[in-house]
Protein backbone atom coordinates (compact mmCIF):
# COMPACT_ATOMS: atom_id res chain seq x y z
CA TYR A 1 -46.97 31.31 -112.16
CA SER A 2 -45.69 32.05 -108.67
CA LYS A 3 -42.07 32.07 -109.88
CA ASP A 4 -42.99 34.85 -112.30
CA VAL A 5 -44.98 37.12 -110.00
CA THR A 6 -42.99 38.09 -106.92
CA GLY A 7 -42.80 40.99 -104.56
CA ASP A 8 -40.07 42.42 -102.35
CA LEU A 9 -41.77 44.07 -99.42
CA GLY A 10 -38.60 44.84 -97.49
CA GLN A 11 -39.37 45.05 -93.76
CA THR A 12 -42.68 43.17 -93.92
CA THR A 13 -42.47 40.37 -91.37
CA ASP A 14 -45.01 38.06 -93.04
CA LYS A 15 -43.77 37.44 -96.59
CA GLU A 16 -46.87 35.51 -97.67
CA LEU A 17 -48.19 37.99 -100.22
CA LYS A 18 -51.40 36.80 -101.87
CA MET A 19 -52.33 37.80 -105.42
CA THR A 20 -55.23 37.07 -107.73
CA PHE A 21 -55.05 37.22 -111.50
CA GLU A 22 -57.41 40.20 -111.33
CA VAL A 23 -54.84 42.02 -109.17
CA VAL A 24 -51.96 40.89 -111.39
CA ALA A 25 -53.83 42.16 -114.46
CA GLY A 26 -54.30 45.51 -112.68
CA ILE A 27 -50.59 45.67 -111.92
CA PHE A 28 -49.67 44.90 -115.52
CA ASP A 29 -52.16 47.39 -117.01
CA GLY A 30 -51.10 50.14 -114.57
CA SER A 31 -54.40 50.52 -112.70
CA ILE A 32 -52.75 49.08 -109.55
CA ASN A 33 -49.41 50.79 -109.05
CA THR A 34 -48.62 50.76 -105.32
CA TRP A 35 -48.27 47.90 -102.85
CA ASN A 36 -50.90 49.39 -100.53
CA HIS A 37 -53.57 49.63 -103.25
CA PRO A 38 -56.98 48.67 -101.77
CA SER A 39 -57.25 45.62 -104.05
CA ILE A 40 -54.00 44.18 -102.70
CA VAL A 41 -54.75 45.16 -99.09
CA ALA A 42 -58.19 43.49 -99.29
CA ILE A 43 -56.67 40.05 -99.96
CA ASN A 44 -53.73 40.59 -97.58
CA PRO A 45 -55.25 41.92 -94.35
CA HIS A 46 -52.48 40.15 -92.39
CA LEU A 47 -49.78 42.36 -93.98
CA THR A 48 -48.81 45.98 -93.54
CA LEU A 49 -48.12 46.98 -97.10
CA PRO A 50 -45.93 49.97 -97.97
CA ALA A 51 -47.09 52.95 -100.02
CA GLU A 52 -44.33 52.18 -102.50
CA PRO A 53 -44.59 51.97 -106.28
CA ILE A 54 -44.69 48.55 -107.93
CA SER A 55 -42.01 47.96 -110.59
CA VAL A 56 -42.95 45.53 -113.34
CA PHE A 57 -40.36 43.44 -115.18
CA VAL A 58 -41.09 41.11 -118.10
CA ARG A 59 -39.12 39.03 -120.57
CA ALA A 60 -38.02 40.82 -123.75
CA ASP A 61 -37.67 37.58 -125.72
CA LYS A 62 -40.45 35.32 -126.98
CA SER A 63 -41.54 32.87 -124.32
CA GLY A 64 -44.14 30.15 -123.92
CA MET A 65 -44.37 31.19 -120.26
CA SER A 66 -45.31 34.73 -121.35
CA GLN A 67 -48.03 33.26 -123.56
CA ALA A 68 -49.46 31.10 -120.74
CA PHE A 69 -49.21 33.98 -118.26
CA THR A 70 -50.98 36.49 -120.51
CA GLN A 71 -53.67 33.97 -121.44
CA ALA A 72 -54.38 33.47 -117.72
CA ILE A 73 -54.61 37.24 -117.21
CA LYS A 74 -56.97 37.54 -120.21
CA HIS A 75 -59.15 34.80 -118.72
CA ALA A 76 -59.30 36.68 -115.39
CA ASN A 77 -59.84 40.06 -117.05
CA PRO A 78 -61.72 39.97 -120.39
CA GLN A 79 -60.86 43.67 -120.90
CA TRP A 80 -57.17 42.70 -121.24
CA PRO A 81 -56.19 43.71 -124.81
CA ASP A 82 -55.83 40.90 -127.36
CA GLU A 83 -52.44 42.27 -128.50
CA ALA A 84 -51.19 41.78 -124.92
CA VAL A 85 -51.60 38.00 -125.20
CA GLY A 86 -48.91 35.80 -126.70
CA LYS A 87 -45.28 34.72 -126.66
CA SER A 88 -44.17 38.31 -127.25
CA PRO A 89 -47.07 40.39 -125.88
CA ASP A 90 -47.51 44.10 -126.43
CA TRP A 91 -47.71 44.89 -122.72
CA PRO A 92 -50.25 47.65 -121.96
CA LEU A 93 -48.14 49.19 -119.20
CA ASN A 94 -45.80 51.80 -120.67
CA LEU A 95 -43.39 51.59 -117.73
CA THR A 96 -42.80 47.84 -118.00
CA LEU A 97 -39.08 47.05 -117.95
CA ALA A 98 -38.01 44.22 -120.25
CA SER A 99 -35.05 41.95 -119.71
CA GLU A 100 -33.45 39.48 -122.11
CA SER A 101 -33.28 36.97 -119.27
CA LEU A 102 -35.01 36.88 -115.91
CA ASP A 103 -33.15 33.79 -114.73
CA GLY A 104 -31.63 33.91 -111.27
């Protein structure tokens, strides 16, 4: 899923940002909303992470990749809502920005 979860950290010299599905689930449910959140810092001690908000973008159309991605998040976080799993999930984060295509 690395092509689907990316980060732009601007001036950070080491671009090797590590994520876990627990962190990704927190980003997508809104409980982790800045790059310097302690959960992200804990698994990236080699990076200086900015106190900037995280913007979340998802596909607006039905997608098998969305289904696989949300199933993996549900596996990592059993509290993830059932309606947020599937080809066209009802994302729990109200500020999620949807795009018809995320290609390129």
